[in-house]
Amino acid sequence: MNLNEDKGYMKIVELEQIYNFVVHFLFKHIFRPKTLK
């Protein structure tokens, strides 16, 4: 078992989760004003 590979994989998963959260957050704030008008 390579612990370094496991840690690297976990970091990639965390980055993907953060990226998805930021993208959804930005899309909500970008498109919400347009839908409210």
C-alpha atoms as a PDB file:
ATOM      1  CA  MET A   1       0.000   0.000   0.000  1.00  0.00           C
ATOM      2  CA  ASN A   2       1.298   3.446  -0.923  1.00  0.00           C
ATOM      3  CA  LEU A   3       0.086   5.990   1.609  1.00  0.00           C
ATOM      4  CA  ASN A   4       1.345   8.861  -0.539  1.00  0.00           C
ATOM      5  CA  GLU A   5      -0.900   7.827  -3.436  1.00  0.00           C
ATOM      6  CA  ASP A   6      -3.873   7.566  -1.083  1.00  0.00           C
ATOM      7  CA  LYS A   7      -3.236  11.050   0.296  1.00  0.00           C
ATOM      8  CA  GLY A   8      -2.830  12.453  -3.212  1.00  0.00           C
ATOM      9  CA  TYR A   9      -6.119  10.873  -4.289  1.00  0.00           C
ATOM     10  CA  MET A  10      -7.929  12.258  -1.245  1.00  0.00           C
ATOM     11  CA  LYS A  11      -6.580  15.738  -2.002  1.00  0.00           C
ATOM     12  CA  ILE A  12      -7.851  15.475  -5.583  1.00  0.00           C
ATOM     13  CA  VAL A  13     -11.302  14.435  -4.331  1.00  0.00           C
ATOM     14  CA  GLU A  14     -11.353  17.369  -1.906  1.00  0.00           C
ATOM     15  CA  LEU A  15     -10.363  19.763  -4.694  1.00  0.00           C
ATOM     16  CA  GLU A  16     -13.155  18.433  -6.917  1.00  0.00           C
ATOM     17  CA  GLN A  17     -15.704  18.885  -4.122  1.00  0.00           C
ATOM     18  CA  ILE A  18     -14.510  22.440  -3.437  1.00  0.00           C
ATOM     19  CA  TYR A  19     -14.512  23.223  -7.180  1.00  0.00           C
ATOM     20  CA  ASN A  20     -18.079  21.917  -7.578  1.00  0.00           C
ATOM     21  CA  PHE A  21     -19.238  23.902  -4.532  1.00  0.00           C
ATOM     22  CA  VAL A  22     -17.673  27.130  -5.841  1.00  0.00           C
ATOM     23  CA  VAL A  23     -19.101  26.611  -9.340  1.00  0.00           C
ATOM     24  CA  HIS A  24     -22.637  26.020  -8.032  1.00  0.00           C
ATOM     25  CA  PHE A  25     -22.287  28.978  -5.649  1.00  0.00           C
ATOM     26  CA  LEU A  26     -21.188  31.306  -8.460  1.00  0.00           C
ATOM     27  CA  PHE A  27     -23.883  30.108 -10.877  1.00  0.00           C
ATOM     28  CA  LYS A  28     -26.593  30.694  -8.265  1.00  0.00           C
ATOM     29  CA  HIS A  29     -25.432  34.250  -7.649  1.00  0.00           C
ATOM     30  CA  ILE A  30     -24.893  35.011 -11.345  1.00  0.00           C
ATOM     31  CA  PHE A  31     -28.273  33.732 -12.565  1.00  0.00           C
ATOM     32  CA  ARG A  32     -30.464  34.569  -9.563  1.00  0.00           C
ATOM     33  CA  PRO A  33     -30.771  38.335 -10.334  1.00  0.00           C
ATOM     34  CA  LYS A  34     -31.787  37.561 -13.930  1.00  0.00           C
ATOM     35  CA  THR A  35     -34.548  35.193 -12.833  1.00  0.00           C
ATOM     36  CA  LEU A  36     -35.840  37.655 -10.221  1.00  0.00           C
ATOM     37  CA  LYS A  37     -36.225  40.485 -12.747  1.00  0.00           C
END
